[in-house]
């Protein structure tokens, strides 16, 4: 079960609770599911009970317990636990099957994975000063908000409602991609560093790590083709901790995009891409067969995971207006 499918499952549980008279609420259009936070457990968690508590006129934990009963009877769900004030933690049956389903979903959607309709019909008005950083942030938000179904209108008029701290130096000296990264990676309240560090081809440069990880996924696909095999989502064999961590980050990508759009924070997307790249770089060495080893179903599944990670990295960079080269 993919995060999108699980989100629909949560909404169906709400609908059943409403139909059976256990809750009196309007069924929301979207249920956010994400890896559990501190104190959570299982594969995914949702805070929908906290969202529904006030309109339902019941404590969040009671709403969560009602939904828990419906979710526990769903095919593909192994366990449901309520923690804290009303967080619903969900464990899925068959980690390998869940990983394959997530990988298949990402490969199907490609660089558009994580795009949704959370802001459908919403028009965001950005009023910015005449400043290069404000221009670049607004341009990225046009793409990010658009990925969630919304639309951004940018204007230069008072009162300003988007004023990130300007850069001290001219970022154009870095070239277009490094300049955009230098302006977008820091939070809006932090002053960007315009230094040659953004140009070095080393691990110390976060943008280099993202682009290198993406280029490595493309190289693995080319090398696999030379060995005569193609990606196929499935059982990756022993699920090393690094693989599980990468899967969790990929599963969290739709939530990261939705949050970046809603909170107008392209920097949160940039930081997420760095984390995905670092997790991918730790996994990529085990994708291809080694020595005399023959390509197996596990290798095809790992190649599919690598391609999925590459799609997320390329899609995220595209939303920031930065190129993701095939070779590096």
Foldseek 3Di string as FASTA:
>chain_A
DAQVVVFVQLLVLVVVCVVVPNFDDDRDPTWHWAQDDPPADAGIKTQVLVVRCVVRVHFSQVSLVSSQVSSCPDPQWPHWDADDRHMIHTHGPDPLVHLLVHLVVLVVCFLLPLQEQPQAPAEAEFAEAPAPLQVLLLQLLQLLLVSNRYHYDYHHDPPGDQYFDGEPDDLCVQPDQLSLCQSQQDWSPDHGDRDCLCVDCDPVHLVNLLLVLLLLLLVVQVVVVVLPDAAHAGGLPPCDPLNSVLSSLSSCSSVQSVCCNVVSRLNSLSVSSSVNSVSSVVLSVPQDDPDPDRDDNNNNNSSSSSSSSSSNSQSSSVSSVHHRDNHD
